[in-house]
PDB file of N, CA and C in Angstrom:
ATOM      1  N   MET A   1       6.591 151.076 102.384  1.00  0.00           N
ATOM      2  CA  MET A   1       6.661 149.628 102.246  1.00  0.00           C
ATOM      3  C   MET A   1       5.250 149.087 102.335  1.00  0.00           C
ATOM      4  N   GLN A   2       4.725 150.437 103.316  1.00  0.00           N
ATOM      5  CA  GLN A   2       3.435 149.660 103.949  1.00  0.00           C
ATOM      6  C   GLN A   2       2.121 150.019 102.451  1.00  0.00           C
ATOM      7  N   MET A   3       2.321 150.956 101.559  1.00  0.00           N
ATOM      8  CA  MET A   3       1.577 150.713 100.733  1.00  0.00           C
ATOM      9  C   MET A   3       2.202 149.623  99.427  1.00  0.00           C
ATOM     10  N   ALA A   4       3.094 149.204  99.512  1.00  0.00           N
ATOM     11  CA  ALA A   4       2.941 148.275  98.097  1.00  0.00           C
ATOM     12  C   ALA A   4       2.719 147.072  99.048  1.00  0.00           C
ATOM     13  N   LEU A   5       2.877 146.386 100.420  1.00  0.00           N
ATOM     14  CA  LEU A   5       1.667 145.416 100.912  1.00  0.00           C
ATOM     15  C   LEU A   5       0.438 146.005 100.738  1.00  0.00           C
ATOM     16  N   THR A   6       0.015 146.897 100.834  1.00  0.00           N
ATOM     17  CA  THR A   6      -1.839 147.165 100.746  1.00  0.00           C
ATOM     18  C   THR A   6      -2.123 146.904  99.703  1.00  0.00           C
ATOM     19  N   LEU A   7      -0.686 147.817  98.495  1.00  0.00           N
ATOM     20  CA  LEU A   7      -1.231 147.354  97.138  1.00  0.00           C
ATOM     21  C   LEU A   7      -1.447 145.893  96.869  1.00  0.00           C
ATOM     22  N   GLY A   8      -0.481 144.755  97.278  1.00  0.00           N
ATOM     23  CA  GLY A   8      -0.445 143.501  97.068  1.00  0.00           C
ATOM     24  C   GLY A   8      -1.431 142.917  97.137  1.00  0.00           C
ATOM     25  N   GLN A   9      -2.214 143.122  98.413  1.00  0.00           N
ATOM     26  CA  GLN A   9      -3.513 142.580  98.649  1.00  0.00           C
ATOM     27  C   GLN A   9      -4.563 142.454  97.415  1.00  0.00           C
ATOM     28  N   ARG A  10      -4.772 143.731  97.138  1.00  0.00           N
ATOM     29  CA  ARG A  10      -5.566 143.634  96.356  1.00  0.00           C
ATOM     30  C   ARG A  10      -5.709 142.390  95.098  1.00  0.00           C
ATOM     31  N   GLY A  11      -4.700 141.942  94.839  1.00  0.00           N
ATOM     32  CA  GLY A  11      -4.608 141.199  93.935  1.00  0.00           C
ATOM     33  C   GLY A  11      -4.375 139.290  94.760  1.00  0.00           C
ATOM     34  N   LEU A  12      -4.657 138.772  96.102  1.00  0.00           N
ATOM     35  CA  LEU A  12      -5.117 137.764  96.524  1.00  0.00           C
ATOM     36  C   LEU A  12      -5.824 137.230  96.008  1.00  0.00           C
ATOM     37  N   GLY A  13      -6.037 135.795  95.829  1.00  0.00           N
ATOM     38  CA  GLY A  13      -7.151 135.170  94.971  1.00  0.00           C
ATOM     39  C   GLY A  13      -7.453 135.438  93.504  1.00  0.00           C
ATOM     40  N   ASN A  14      -6.378 136.729  92.973  1.00  0.00           N
ATOM     41  CA  ASN A  14      -6.629 136.882  91.741  1.00  0.00           C
ATOM     42  C   ASN A  14      -5.912 136.865  90.686  1.00  0.00           C
ATOM     43  N   VAL A  15      -4.696 136.274  91.389  1.00  0.00           N
ATOM     44  CA  VAL A  15      -3.306 135.926  90.731  1.00  0.00           C
ATOM     45  C   VAL A  15      -2.753 135.093  90.126  1.00  0.00           C
ATOM     46  N   TRP A  16      -3.454 133.949  90.478  1.00  0.00           N
ATOM     47  CA  TRP A  16      -2.722 132.612  90.105  1.00  0.00           C
ATOM     48  C   TRP A  16      -2.401 132.095  88.799  1.00  0.00           C
ATOM     49  N   PRO A  17      -1.268 131.632  88.492  1.00  0.00           N
ATOM     50  CA  PRO A  17       0.074 131.210  89.257  1.00  0.00           C
ATOM     51  C   PRO A  17       0.510 131.782  89.570  1.00  0.00           C
ATOM     52  N   ASN A  18       0.946 133.285  89.600  1.00  0.00           N
ATOM     53  CA  ASN A  18       1.800 134.116  90.490  1.00  0.00           C
ATOM     54  C   ASN A  18       1.094 134.651  91.813  1.00  0.00           C
ATOM     55  N   PRO A  19       2.303 135.264  92.409  1.00  0.00           N
ATOM     56  CA  PRO A  19       1.990 135.851  94.094  1.00  0.00           C
ATOM     57  C   PRO A  19       1.338 136.902  93.740  1.00  0.00           C
ATOM     58  N   ALA A  20       0.635 137.402  94.728  1.00  0.00           N
ATOM     59  CA  ALA A  20       0.014 138.339  94.914  1.00  0.00           C
ATOM     60  C   ALA A  20       1.249 139.799  94.961  1.00  0.00           C
ATOM     61  N   VAL A  21       1.646 140.770  94.067  1.00  0.00           N
ATOM     62  CA  VAL A  21       2.760 141.544  94.624  1.00  0.00           C
ATOM     63  C   VAL A  21       2.306 142.949  94.455  1.00  0.00           C
ATOM     64  N   GLY A  22       2.768 143.729  95.425  1.00  0.00           N
ATOM     65  CA  GLY A  22       2.239 145.414  95.176  1.00  0.00           C
ATOM     66  C   GLY A  22       4.122 145.994  95.066  1.00  0.00           C
ATOM     67  N   CYS A  23       3.497 146.924  94.788  1.00  0.00           N
ATOM     68  CA  CYS A  23       5.006 148.408  93.786  1.00  0.00           C
ATOM     69  C   CYS A  23       4.746 150.036  94.146  1.00  0.00           C
ATOM     70  N   VAL A  24       5.453 150.474  94.772  1.00  0.00           N
ATOM     71  CA  VAL A  24       5.551 151.747  94.662  1.00  0.00           C
ATOM     72  C   VAL A  24       6.659 152.438  94.113  1.00  0.00           C
ATOM     73  N   LEU A  25       6.135 153.235  93.099  1.00  0.00           N
ATOM     74  CA  LEU A  25       7.854 154.288  92.800  1.00  0.00           C
ATOM     75  C   LEU A  25       7.782 155.184  93.328  1.00  0.00           C
ATOM     76  N   VAL A  26       8.815 156.079  93.952  1.00  0.00           N
ATOM     77  CA  VAL A  26       8.817 156.879  94.440  1.00  0.00           C
ATOM     78  C   VAL A  26      10.181 157.961  93.629  1.00  0.00           C
ATOM     79  N   LYS A  27       9.527 159.156  93.909  1.00  0.00           N
ATOM     80  CA  LYS A  27      10.834 159.839  93.275  1.00  0.00           C
ATOM     81  C   LYS A  27      10.919 161.372  94.112  1.00  0.00           C
ATOM     82  N   ASP A  28      11.933 162.192  94.553  1.00  0.00           N
ATOM     83  CA  ASP A  28      11.795 163.068  94.865  1.00  0.00           C
ATOM     84  C   ASP A  28      10.973 163.225  96.192  1.00  0.00           C
ATOM     85  N   ASN A  29      10.556 162.277  96.744  1.00  0.00           N
ATOM     86  CA  ASN A  29      10.188 162.509  98.030  1.00  0.00           C
ATOM     87  C   ASN A  29       8.426 161.955  97.973  1.00  0.00           C
ATOM     88  N   ARG A  30       8.365 161.636  96.564  1.00  0.00           N
ATOM     89  CA  ARG A  30       6.747 161.766  96.060  1.00  0.00           C
ATOM     90  C   ARG A  30       5.930 160.581  95.291  1.00  0.00           C
ATOM     91  N   VAL A  31       5.438 159.941  95.633  1.00  0.00           N
ATOM     92  CA  VAL A  31       4.615 158.689  94.379  1.00  0.00           C
ATOM     93  C   VAL A  31       4.341 158.903  93.527  1.00  0.00           C
ATOM     94  N   ILE A  32       5.471 158.752  92.522  1.00  0.00           N
ATOM     95  CA  ILE A  32       4.525 158.805  91.237  1.00  0.00           C
ATOM     96  C   ILE A  32       3.743 157.760  90.343  1.00  0.00           C
ATOM     97  N   ALA A  33       3.996 156.241  91.087  1.00  0.00           N
ATOM     98  CA  ALA A  33       3.294 155.403  90.598  1.00  0.00           C
ATOM     99  C   ALA A  33       2.744 154.150  91.782  1.00  0.00           C
ATOM    100  N   ARG A  34       1.717 153.421  91.093  1.00  0.00           N
ATOM    101  CA  ARG A  34       1.476 152.195  92.003  1.00  0.00           C
ATOM    102  C   ARG A  34       1.112 151.125  91.543  1.00  0.00           C
ATOM    103  N   GLY A  35       2.246 149.770  91.703  1.00  0.00           N
ATOM    104  CA  GLY A  35       0.649 149.071  91.015  1.00  0.00           C
ATOM    105  C   GLY A  35       0.715 147.427  91.546  1.00  0.00           C
ATOM    106  N   TRP A  36       0.156 146.857  91.202  1.00  0.00           N
ATOM    107  CA  TRP A  36       0.175 145.104  91.985  1.00  0.00           C
ATOM    108  C   TRP A  36      -0.348 144.360  90.734  1.00  0.00           C
ATOM    109  N   THR A  37       0.215 143.068  91.173  1.00  0.00           N
ATOM    110  CA  THR A  37      -0.041 142.003  89.982  1.00  0.00           C
ATOM    111  C   THR A  37      -1.617 142.158  89.980  1.00  0.00           C
ATOM    112  N   GLN A  38      -1.926 142.449  88.441  1.00  0.00           N
ATOM    113  CA  GLN A  38      -2.980 142.009  87.981  1.00  0.00           C
ATOM    114  C   GLN A  38      -3.819 140.661  87.428  1.00  0.00           C
ATOM    115  N   PRO A  39      -5.393 141.086  87.852  1.00  0.00           N
ATOM    116  CA  PRO A  39      -5.647 139.535  87.813  1.00  0.00           C
ATOM    117  C   PRO A  39      -5.093 138.234  86.235  1.00  0.00           C
ATOM    118  N   GLY A  40      -4.996 137.500  86.432  1.00  0.00           N
ATOM    119  CA  GLY A  40      -4.261 136.284  85.758  1.00  0.00           C
ATOM    120  C   GLY A  40      -3.014 136.310  86.013  1.00  0.00           C
ATOM    121  N   GLY A  41      -2.560 137.359  86.921  1.00  0.00           N
ATOM    122  CA  GLY A  41      -0.555 137.383  86.688  1.00  0.00           C
ATOM    123  C   GLY A  41      -0.109 137.900  86.179  1.00  0.00           C
ATOM    124  N   ARG A  42      -0.578 138.664  85.355  1.00  0.00           N
ATOM    125  CA  ARG A  42      -0.019 139.903  84.631  1.00  0.00           C
ATOM    126  C   ARG A  42      -0.800 141.061  84.270  1.00  0.00           C
ATOM    127  N   PRO A  43      -0.309 142.367  83.997  1.00  0.00           N
ATOM    128  CA  PRO A  43       1.139 142.286  84.329  1.00  0.00           C
ATOM    129  C   PRO A  43       1.731 142.184  85.534  1.00  0.00           C
ATOM    130  N   HIS A  44       2.976 142.071  85.932  1.00  0.00           N
ATOM    131  CA  HIS A  44       3.133 141.923  87.249  1.00  0.00           C
ATOM    132  C   HIS A  44       2.787 142.826  87.764  1.00  0.00           C
ATOM    133  N   ALA A  45       3.340 143.392  89.207  1.00  0.00           N
ATOM    134  CA  ALA A  45       3.555 144.615  89.795  1.00  0.00           C
ATOM    135  C   ALA A  45       4.120 145.503  89.523  1.00  0.00           C
ATOM    136  N   GLU A  46       5.283 145.231  88.888  1.00  0.00           N
ATOM    137  CA  GLU A  46       6.279 146.125  88.441  1.00  0.00           C
ATOM    138  C   GLU A  46       6.382 146.973  87.501  1.00  0.00           C
ATOM    139  N   VAL A  47       5.720 146.104  86.782  1.00  0.00           N
ATOM    140  CA  VAL A  47       5.479 146.846  85.127  1.00  0.00           C
ATOM    141  C   VAL A  47       4.566 147.650  85.481  1.00  0.00           C
ATOM    142  N   HIS A  48       3.494 146.915  85.727  1.00  0.00           N
ATOM    143  CA  HIS A  48       1.872 147.785  86.158  1.00  0.00           C
ATOM    144  C   HIS A  48       2.546 149.046  86.689  1.00  0.00           C
ATOM    145  N   ALA A  49       3.395 149.112  87.777  1.00  0.00           N
ATOM    146  CA  ALA A  49       4.094 150.662  88.310  1.00  0.00           C
ATOM    147  C   ALA A  49       4.930 151.331  87.083  1.00  0.00           C
ATOM    148  N   LEU A  50       5.674 150.545  86.551  1.00  0.00           N
ATOM    149  CA  LEU A  50       6.591 151.404  85.794  1.00  0.00           C
ATOM    150  C   LEU A  50       5.595 151.750  84.179  1.00  0.00           C
ATOM    151  N   MET A  51       4.669 151.503  83.933  1.00  0.00           N
ATOM    152  CA  MET A  51       3.580 151.770  82.904  1.00  0.00           C
ATOM    153  C   MET A  51       3.050 153.081  83.435  1.00  0.00           C
ATOM    154  N   GLN A  52       2.986 153.371  84.246  1.00  0.00           N
ATOM    155  CA  GLN A  52       1.867 154.242  84.676  1.00  0.00           C
ATOM    156  C   GLN A  52       3.369 155.471  84.864  1.00  0.00           C
ATOM    157  N   ALA A  53       4.557 155.372  85.553  1.00  0.00           N
ATOM    158  CA  ALA A  53       5.295 156.382  85.426  1.00  0.00           C
ATOM    159  C   ALA A  53       5.861 156.988  84.269  1.00  0.00           C
ATOM    160  N   GLY A  54       6.146 156.041  83.550  1.00  0.00           N
ATOM    161  CA  GLY A  54       6.872 156.303  82.363  1.00  0.00           C
ATOM    162  C   GLY A  54       8.215 156.415  82.274  1.00  0.00           C
ATOM    163  N   GLU A  55       8.628 157.680  81.678  1.00  0.00           N
ATOM    164  CA  GLU A  55      10.125 158.304  81.580  1.00  0.00           C
ATOM    165  C   GLU A  55      10.476 158.966  83.157  1.00  0.00           C
ATOM    166  N   GLN A  56       9.388 159.247  83.973  1.00  0.00           N
ATOM    167  CA  GLN A  56       9.350 159.375  85.494  1.00  0.00           C
ATOM    168  C   GLN A  56      10.370 158.557  86.563  1.00  0.00           C
ATOM    169  N   ALA A  57      10.043 157.114  85.796  1.00  0.00           N
ATOM    170  CA  ALA A  57      10.740 156.473  86.751  1.00  0.00           C
ATOM    171  C   ALA A  57      12.295 156.115  86.398  1.00  0.00           C
ATOM    172  N   ARG A  58      12.879 156.871  85.588  1.00  0.00           N
ATOM    173  CA  ARG A  58      14.249 157.349  85.539  1.00  0.00           C
ATOM    174  C   ARG A  58      14.613 157.705  87.128  1.00  0.00           C
ATOM    175  N   GLY A  59      15.471 157.060  87.936  1.00  0.00           N
ATOM    176  CA  GLY A  59      15.948 157.495  88.992  1.00  0.00           C
ATOM    177  C   GLY A  59      15.303 157.378  89.908  1.00  0.00           C
ATOM    178  N   ALA A  60      14.293 156.743  89.954  1.00  0.00           N
ATOM    179  CA  ALA A  60      13.461 156.355  90.876  1.00  0.00           C
ATOM    180  C   ALA A  60      13.638 155.193  91.735  1.00  0.00           C
ATOM    181  N   THR A  61      13.149 155.101  93.078  1.00  0.00           N
ATOM    182  CA  THR A  61      13.178 154.179  93.852  1.00  0.00           C
ATOM    183  C   THR A  61      11.840 152.917  93.955  1.00  0.00           C
ATOM    184  N   ALA A  62      12.229 152.374  93.832  1.00  0.00           N
ATOM    185  CA  ALA A  62      10.912 151.043  93.483  1.00  0.00           C
ATOM    186  C   ALA A  62      10.922 150.130  95.246  1.00  0.00           C
ATOM    187  N   TYR A  63       9.718 150.355  95.748  1.00  0.00           N
ATOM    188  CA  TYR A  63       9.458 149.742  96.771  1.00  0.00           C
ATOM    189  C   TYR A  63       8.549 148.645  96.231  1.00  0.00           C
ATOM    190  N   VAL A  64       9.137 147.434  96.502  1.00  0.00           N
ATOM    191  CA  VAL A  64       8.615 146.030  96.213  1.00  0.00           C
ATOM    192  C   VAL A  64       8.052 144.954  97.540  1.00  0.00           C
ATOM    193  N   THR A  65       7.128 144.334  97.050  1.00  0.00           N
ATOM    194  CA  THR A  65       6.991 143.125  98.702  1.00  0.00           C
ATOM    195  C   THR A  65       7.431 141.994  97.733  1.00  0.00           C
ATOM    196  N   LEU A  66       7.968 141.805  96.720  1.00  0.00           N
ATOM    197  CA  LEU A  66       8.691 140.489  96.889  1.00  0.00           C
ATOM    198  C   LEU A  66       9.685 140.661  95.679  1.00  0.00           C
ATOM    199  N   GLU A  67      10.653 140.035  95.846  1.00  0.00           N
ATOM    200  CA  GLU A  67      11.895 139.928  94.962  1.00  0.00           C
ATOM    201  C   GLU A  67      11.357 139.592  93.461  1.00  0.00           C
ATOM    202  N   PRO A  68      11.875 140.576  92.486  1.00  0.00           N
ATOM    203  CA  PRO A  68      11.546 140.984  91.116  1.00  0.00           C
ATOM    204  C   PRO A  68      11.914 139.417  90.720  1.00  0.00           C
ATOM    205  N   CYS A  69      11.198 139.237  89.694  1.00  0.00           N
ATOM    206  CA  CYS A  69      11.394 137.920  88.747  1.00  0.00           C
ATOM    207  C   CYS A  69      12.717 138.453  87.876  1.00  0.00           C
ATOM    208  N   ALA A  70      13.098 137.140  87.724  1.00  0.00           N
ATOM    209  CA  ALA A  70      14.509 136.893  86.896  1.00  0.00           C
ATOM    210  C   ALA A  70      14.039 135.872  85.774  1.00  0.00           C
ATOM    211  N   HIS A  71      12.867 135.059  85.673  1.00  0.00           N
ATOM    212  CA  HIS A  71      13.410 134.470  84.408  1.00  0.00           C
ATOM    213  C   HIS A  71      12.236 134.545  83.777  1.00  0.00           C
ATOM    214  N   HIS A  72      12.053 134.123  82.347  1.00  0.00           N
ATOM    215  CA  HIS A  72      11.345 134.311  80.983  1.00  0.00           C
ATOM    216  C   HIS A  72       9.474 133.051  81.344  1.00  0.00           C
ATOM    217  N   GLY A  73       9.076 134.007  81.607  1.00  0.00           N
ATOM    218  CA  GLY A  73       7.558 132.621  81.334  1.00  0.00           C
ATOM    219  C   GLY A  73       6.832 133.612  79.969  1.00  0.00           C
ATOM    220  N   LYS A  74       5.649 133.885  80.724  1.00  0.00           N
ATOM    221  CA  LYS A  74       4.751 134.333  79.635  1.00  0.00           C
ATOM    222  C   LYS A  74       5.412 136.184  79.195  1.00  0.00           C
ATOM    223  N   THR A  75       6.024 136.165  80.130  1.00  0.00           N
ATOM    224  CA  THR A  75       6.499 137.845  80.026  1.00  0.00           C
ATOM    225  C   THR A  75       8.130 138.075  80.619  1.00  0.00           C
ATOM    226  N   GLY A  76       8.699 138.729  80.369  1.00  0.00           N
ATOM    227  CA  GLY A  76      10.227 139.065  80.856  1.00  0.00           C
ATOM    228  C   GLY A  76      10.283 139.433  82.299  1.00  0.00           C
ATOM    229  N   PRO A  77      11.451 139.160  82.742  1.00  0.00           N
ATOM    230  CA  PRO A  77      11.572 139.566  83.743  1.00  0.00           C
ATOM    231  C   PRO A  77      11.768 141.140  84.382  1.00  0.00           C
ATOM    232  N   CYS A  78      10.948 140.635  85.500  1.00  0.00           N
ATOM    233  CA  CYS A  78      10.739 142.380  86.085  1.00  0.00           C
ATOM    234  C   CYS A  78      12.022 142.701  86.372  1.00  0.00           C
ATOM    235  N   SER A  79      13.171 142.407  86.718  1.00  0.00           N
ATOM    236  CA  SER A  79      14.234 142.535  86.843  1.00  0.00           C
ATOM    237  C   SER A  79      14.741 143.972  85.611  1.00  0.00           C
ATOM    238  N   ASP A  80      14.262 142.673  84.524  1.00  0.00           N
ATOM    239  CA  ASP A  80      14.929 143.440  83.223  1.00  0.00           C
ATOM    240  C   ASP A  80      14.486 144.443  83.042  1.00  0.00           C
ATOM    241  N   ALA A  81      13.158 144.764  83.587  1.00  0.00           N
ATOM    242  CA  ALA A  81      12.183 145.971  83.629  1.00  0.00           C
ATOM    243  C   ALA A  81      12.688 147.243  84.240  1.00  0.00           C
ATOM    244  N   LEU A  82      12.853 147.089  85.498  1.00  0.00           N
ATOM    245  CA  LEU A  82      13.164 147.855  86.347  1.00  0.00           C
ATOM    246  C   LEU A  82      14.688 148.436  85.742  1.00  0.00           C
ATOM    247  N   VAL A  83      15.496 147.790  85.268  1.00  0.00           N
ATOM    248  CA  VAL A  83      17.296 148.025  84.800  1.00  0.00           C
ATOM    249  C   VAL A  83      16.623 148.687  83.449  1.00  0.00           C
ATOM    250  N   LYS A  84      15.836 148.586  82.554  1.00  0.00           N
ATOM    251  CA  LYS A  84      15.624 149.162  81.309  1.00  0.00           C
ATOM    252  C   LYS A  84      14.962 150.270  81.921  1.00  0.00           C
ATOM    253  N   ALA A  85      14.426 150.814  82.770  1.00  0.00           N
ATOM    254  CA  ALA A  85      13.602 151.864  83.195  1.00  0.00           C
ATOM    255  C   ALA A  85      14.499 152.836  83.785  1.00  0.00           C
ATOM    256  N   GLY A  86      15.499 152.671  84.125  1.00  0.00           N
ATOM    257  CA  GLY A  86      16.359 153.426  85.165  1.00  0.00           C
ATOM    258  C   GLY A  86      16.083 153.525  86.466  1.00  0.00           C
ATOM    259  N   ILE A  87      15.587 152.927  86.786  1.00  0.00           N
ATOM    260  CA  ILE A  87      15.375 153.186  88.666  1.00  0.00           C
ATOM    261  C   ILE A  87      16.689 152.761  89.357  1.00  0.00           C
ATOM    262  N   ARG A  88      16.914 153.780  90.166  1.00  0.00           N
ATOM    263  CA  ARG A  88      18.358 153.786  90.778  1.00  0.00           C
ATOM    264  C   ARG A  88      18.463 152.980  91.253  1.00  0.00           C
ATOM    265  N   ARG A  89      16.997 152.602  92.681  1.00  0.00           N
ATOM    266  CA  ARG A  89      17.642 151.810  93.908  1.00  0.00           C
ATOM    267  C   ARG A  89      15.413 150.564  94.182  1.00  0.00           C
ATOM    268  N   VAL A  90      16.142 149.479  94.828  1.00  0.00           N
ATOM    269  CA  VAL A  90      14.984 148.941  94.796  1.00  0.00           C
ATOM    270  C   VAL A  90      14.706 148.479  96.188  1.00  0.00           C
ATOM    271  N   VAL A  91      13.720 148.525  96.906  1.00  0.00           N
ATOM    272  CA  VAL A  91      13.562 148.226  98.207  1.00  0.00           C
ATOM    273  C   VAL A  91      12.742 147.500  98.338  1.00  0.00           C
ATOM    274  N   CYS A  92      13.272 145.624  98.998  1.00  0.00           N
ATOM    275  CA  CYS A  92      12.187 144.746  98.662  1.00  0.00           C
ATOM    276  C   CYS A  92      11.949 144.444 100.073  1.00  0.00           C
ATOM    277  N   ALA A  93      10.842 144.035 100.468  1.00  0.00           N
ATOM    278  CA  ALA A  93      10.372 142.927 101.727  1.00  0.00           C
ATOM    279  C   ALA A  93      10.903 141.969 102.063  1.00  0.00           C
ATOM    280  N   THR A  94      11.250 140.858 100.737  1.00  0.00           N
ATOM    281  CA  THR A  94      11.569 139.764 101.099  1.00  0.00           C
ATOM    282  C   THR A  94      12.029 139.016  99.360  1.00  0.00           C
ATOM    283  N   GLN A  95      12.895 138.171 100.272  1.00  0.00           N
ATOM    284  CA  GLN A  95      13.654 137.086  98.545  1.00  0.00           C
ATOM    285  C   GLN A  95      12.272 136.688  98.124  1.00  0.00           C
ATOM    286  N   ASP A  96      12.487 136.160  96.590  1.00  0.00           N
ATOM    287  CA  ASP A  96      11.433 135.101  96.330  1.00  0.00           C
ATOM    288  C   ASP A  96      12.114 133.651  96.507  1.00  0.00           C
ATOM    289  N   PRO A  97      11.341 133.067  96.862  1.00  0.00           N
ATOM    290  CA  PRO A  97      11.605 131.244  97.071  1.00  0.00           C
ATOM    291  C   PRO A  97      11.442 130.470  96.151  1.00  0.00           C
ATOM    292  N   ASP A  98      11.329 130.870  95.653  1.00  0.00           N
ATOM    293  CA  ASP A  98      10.858 130.794  93.672  1.00  0.00           C
ATOM    294  C   ASP A  98      12.368 129.612  93.138  1.00  0.00           C
ATOM    295  N   ALA A  99      13.041 128.574  93.318  1.00  0.00           N
ATOM    296  CA  ALA A  99      14.238 128.493  92.827  1.00  0.00           C
ATOM    297  C   ALA A  99      14.645 129.328  91.231  1.00  0.00           C
ATOM    298  N   ARG A 100      13.579 129.424  90.348  1.00  0.00           N
ATOM    299  CA  ARG A 100      13.802 130.251  89.195  1.00  0.00           C
ATOM    300  C   ARG A 100      13.965 132.058  89.258  1.00  0.00           C
ATOM    301  N   VAL A 101      13.772 132.541  91.020  1.00  0.00           N
ATOM    302  CA  VAL A 101      14.265 133.671  91.055  1.00  0.00           C
ATOM    303  C   VAL A 101      15.164 133.834  92.330  1.00  0.00           C
ATOM    304  N   SER A 102      15.196 133.414  93.127  1.00  0.00           N
ATOM    305  CA  SER A 102      15.783 133.358  94.675  1.00  0.00           C
ATOM    306  C   SER A 102      16.919 134.061  94.332  1.00  0.00           C
ATOM    307  N   GLY A 103      17.499 135.434  95.036  1.00  0.00           N
ATOM    308  CA  GLY A 103      18.397 135.669  94.430  1.00  0.00           C
ATOM    309  C   GLY A 103      19.037 136.102  92.944  1.00  0.00           C
ATOM    310  N   LYS A 104      18.293 135.505  92.145  1.00  0.00           N
ATOM    311  CA  LYS A 104      18.448 136.058  91.198  1.00  0.00           C
ATOM    312  C   LYS A 104      18.162 137.524  90.290  1.00  0.00           C
ATOM    313  N   GLY A 105      16.905 138.030  90.871  1.00  0.00           N
ATOM    314  CA  GLY A 105      16.124 138.766  90.805  1.00  0.00           C
ATOM    315  C   GLY A 105      17.554 140.143  90.818  1.00  0.00           C
ATOM    316  N   PHE A 106      17.492 139.925  92.408  1.00  0.00           N
ATOM    317  CA  PHE A 106      18.541 141.001  92.758  1.00  0.00           C
ATOM    318  C   PHE A 106      20.252 140.967  92.351  1.00  0.00           C
ATOM    319  N   GLU A 107      20.532 139.889  91.976  1.00  0.00           N
ATOM    320  CA  GLU A 107      22.135 140.020  91.068  1.00  0.00           C
ATOM    321  C   GLU A 107      21.956 140.886  89.327  1.00  0.00           C
ATOM    322  N   ILE A 108      20.605 140.510  89.535  1.00  0.00           N
ATOM    323  CA  ILE A 108      20.567 141.380  88.021  1.00  0.00           C
ATOM    324  C   ILE A 108      20.961 142.615  88.319  1.00  0.00           C
ATOM    325  N   LEU A 109      19.972 143.521  89.051  1.00  0.00           N
ATOM    326  CA  LEU A 109      19.520 144.621  89.677  1.00  0.00           C
ATOM    327  C   LEU A 109      21.161 145.123  89.974  1.00  0.00           C
ATOM    328  N   GLU A 110      21.727 144.320  91.085  1.00  0.00           N
ATOM    329  CA  GLU A 110      23.065 144.838  91.336  1.00  0.00           C
ATOM    330  C   GLU A 110      23.928 144.922  90.105  1.00  0.00           C
ATOM    331  N   LYS A 111      24.367 144.223  89.330  1.00  0.00           N
ATOM    332  CA  LYS A 111      25.211 143.776  87.927  1.00  0.00           C
ATOM    333  C   LYS A 111      24.770 145.056  87.180  1.00  0.00           C
ATOM    334  N   ALA A 112      22.918 145.805  87.180  1.00  0.00           N
ATOM    335  CA  ALA A 112      23.229 147.160  86.381  1.00  0.00           C
ATOM    336  C   ALA A 112      23.449 147.974  87.083  1.00  0.00           C
ATOM    337  N   GLY A 113      23.969 148.132  88.381  1.00  0.00           N
ATOM    338  CA  GLY A 113      24.138 149.349  89.443  1.00  0.00           C
ATOM    339  C   GLY A 113      23.439 149.988  90.104  1.00  0.00           C
ATOM    340  N   ILE A 114      22.304 148.994  90.189  1.00  0.00           N
ATOM    341  CA  ILE A 114      20.836 149.992  91.135  1.00  0.00           C
ATOM    342  C   ILE A 114      21.357 148.669  92.238  1.00  0.00           C
ATOM    343  N   GLU A 115      20.953 149.764  93.793  1.00  0.00           N
ATOM    344  CA  GLU A 115      21.251 149.606  95.030  1.00  0.00           C
ATOM    345  C   GLU A 115      19.856 148.502  95.494  1.00  0.00           C
ATOM    346  N   VAL A 116      20.167 147.832  96.364  1.00  0.00           N
ATOM    347  CA  VAL A 116      19.391 147.162  96.532  1.00  0.00           C
ATOM    348  C   VAL A 116      19.335 146.705  98.275  1.00  0.00           C
ATOM    349  N   THR A 117      18.000 146.833  99.114  1.00  0.00           N
ATOM    350  CA  THR A 117      17.400 147.163 100.105  1.00  0.00           C
ATOM    351  C   THR A 117      17.162 146.060 100.683  1.00  0.00           C
ATOM    352  N   LEU A 118      17.462 145.321 101.553  1.00  0.00           N
ATOM    353  CA  LEU A 118      16.219 143.885 101.900  1.00  0.00           C
ATOM    354  C   LEU A 118      16.777 143.733 103.345  1.00  0.00           C
ATOM    355  N   PRO A 119      15.821 143.455 104.113  1.00  0.00           N
ATOM    356  CA  PRO A 119      15.945 143.367 106.073  1.00  0.00           C
ATOM    357  C   PRO A 119      16.653 142.834 106.444  1.00  0.00           C
ATOM    358  N   SER A 120      16.680 141.318 105.572  1.00  0.00           N
ATOM    359  CA  SER A 120      17.597 140.555 106.173  1.00  0.00           C
ATOM    360  C   SER A 120      18.052 139.505 104.730  1.00  0.00           C
ATOM    361  N   ARG A 121      18.656 139.701 103.699  1.00  0.00           N
ATOM    362  CA  ARG A 121      18.917 139.430 102.508  1.00  0.00           C
ATOM    363  C   ARG A 121      19.669 137.534 102.801  1.00  0.00           C
ATOM    364  N   ARG A 122      19.557 136.586 102.324  1.00  0.00           N
ATOM    365  CA  ARG A 122      20.062 135.695 102.674  1.00  0.00           C
ATOM    366  C   ARG A 122      19.669 134.664 101.673  1.00  0.00           C
ATOM    367  N   ARG A 123      20.558 133.987 101.446  1.00  0.00           N
ATOM    368  CA  ARG A 123      19.911 132.681 100.290  1.00  0.00           C
ATOM    369  C   ARG A 123      19.019 131.815 100.759  1.00  0.00           C
ATOM    370  N   LEU A 124      18.037 131.220 100.179  1.00  0.00           N
ATOM    371  CA  LEU A 124      17.146 130.651 100.683  1.00  0.00           C
ATOM    372  C   LEU A 124      17.565 129.049 100.056  1.00  0.00           C
TER     373      LEU A 124
END
């Protein structure tokens, strides 16, 4: 998670209107991809990492600093991208306070059979 937090800092001041997020994909105890929200807010951190990982993402764990988005904006939901990629587990630092996402991203993941780990999961 520390690596994901550090990666997220790369976007500070450059990704508005989106939050600066970091994502690390790990498989077989090895980092297979790293991503962060890119300038202008796209692609999001999860998609950036998934593009690097390609098929290696299947069965991996995603460490993400913010709950994966669950709404359609200028891009599709990151939660859907994680499901489609075959991620098996998501470890997340915090739930997104944005009402369009809050808890919904986790619900999408869990309905798809993905294990979600969050230090203190609660409804905001």
